[in-house]
């Protein structure tokens, strides 16, 4: 796949892999932190724009429901 036809997701993954090859210790540290804390970038990247919109909608609805019932 040429770089002009490469999707943003594939480009991010390719750049992440290239960075990991250049700095294996940093990559190991990033992987350990990502596994324990989760990564919002990975979540949003895997959901796409529709899934991210639904996630934001649920978060806003959760805050509204919390404000109505618990305050």
Protein backbone atom coordinates (compact mmCIF):
# COMPACT_ATOMS: atom_id res chain seq x y z
CA UNK A 1 0.00 0.00 0.00
CA UNK A 2 1.50 3.34 -0.99
CA UNK A 3 1.64 6.21 1.48
CA UNK A 4 -0.93 8.24 -0.50
CA UNK A 5 -3.53 5.47 -0.20
CA UNK A 6 -2.69 4.66 3.42
CA UNK A 7 -5.50 5.26 5.90
CA UNK A 8 -4.79 7.36 9.02
CA UNK A 9 -5.24 4.28 11.23
CA UNK A 10 -2.67 2.28 9.28
CA UNK A 11 -0.26 5.21 9.27
CA UNK A 12 -0.52 5.65 13.07
CA UNK A 13 0.06 1.93 13.60
CA UNK A 14 3.03 1.90 11.20
CA UNK A 15 4.62 4.90 12.93
CA UNK A 16 4.04 3.31 16.36
CA UNK A 17 5.73 0.10 15.21
CA UNK A 18 8.69 2.00 13.72
CA UNK A 19 9.13 3.93 16.98
CA UNK A 20 9.05 0.68 18.93
CA UNK A 21 11.81 -0.81 16.80
CA UNK A 22 14.01 2.22 17.46
CA UNK A 23 13.48 2.31 21.23
CA UNK A 24 12.59 -1.15 22.63
CA UNK A 25 12.88 -0.18 26.33
CA UNK A 26 10.55 2.80 25.88
CA UNK A 27 8.14 0.63 23.95
CA UNK A 28 8.09 -1.91 26.77
CA UNK A 29 7.37 0.85 29.30
CA UNK A 30 4.58 2.26 27.12
CA UNK A 31 3.03 -1.19 26.72
CA UNK A 32 3.08 -1.81 30.48
CA UNK A 33 1.47 1.56 31.22
CA UNK A 34 -1.11 1.12 28.48
CA UNK A 35 -2.06 -2.31 29.79
CA UNK A 36 -2.54 -1.08 33.34
CA UNK A 37 -4.26 2.24 32.59
CA UNK A 38 -5.78 1.83 29.17
CA UNK A 39 -5.24 4.27 26.35
CA UNK A 40 -7.91 6.67 25.18
CA UNK A 41 -6.16 6.98 21.81
CA UNK A 42 -6.43 3.23 21.22
CA UNK A 43 -10.06 3.22 22.34
CA UNK A 44 -11.06 6.07 20.05
CA UNK A 45 -9.03 4.66 17.19
CA UNK A 46 -10.76 1.33 17.41
CA UNK A 47 -14.28 2.80 17.74
CA UNK A 48 -14.19 5.22 14.83
CA UNK A 49 -16.11 8.48 14.73
CA UNK A 50 -19.57 6.97 15.21
CA UNK A 51 -18.54 4.91 18.21
CA UNK A 52 -16.74 7.88 19.73
CA UNK A 53 -19.85 10.02 19.28
CA UNK A 54 -22.01 7.40 21.00
CA UNK A 55 -19.48 7.13 23.85
CA UNK A 56 -19.55 10.91 24.35
CA UNK A 57 -23.37 10.89 24.23
CA UNK A 58 -23.52 8.22 26.95
CA UNK A 59 -21.07 10.17 29.09
CA UNK A 60 -23.16 13.35 28.80
CA UNK A 61 -26.35 11.44 29.59
CA UNK A 62 -24.64 9.87 32.60
CA UNK A 63 -23.67 13.28 33.96
CA UNK A 64 -27.23 14.58 33.45
CA UNK A 65 -28.76 11.57 35.20
CA UNK A 66 -26.27 11.90 38.05
CA UNK A 67 -27.10 15.59 38.42
CA UNK A 68 -30.85 14.90 38.51
CA UNK A 69 -30.89 12.00 40.97
CA UNK A 70 -27.90 12.56 43.26
CA UNK A 71 -27.87 16.30 43.88
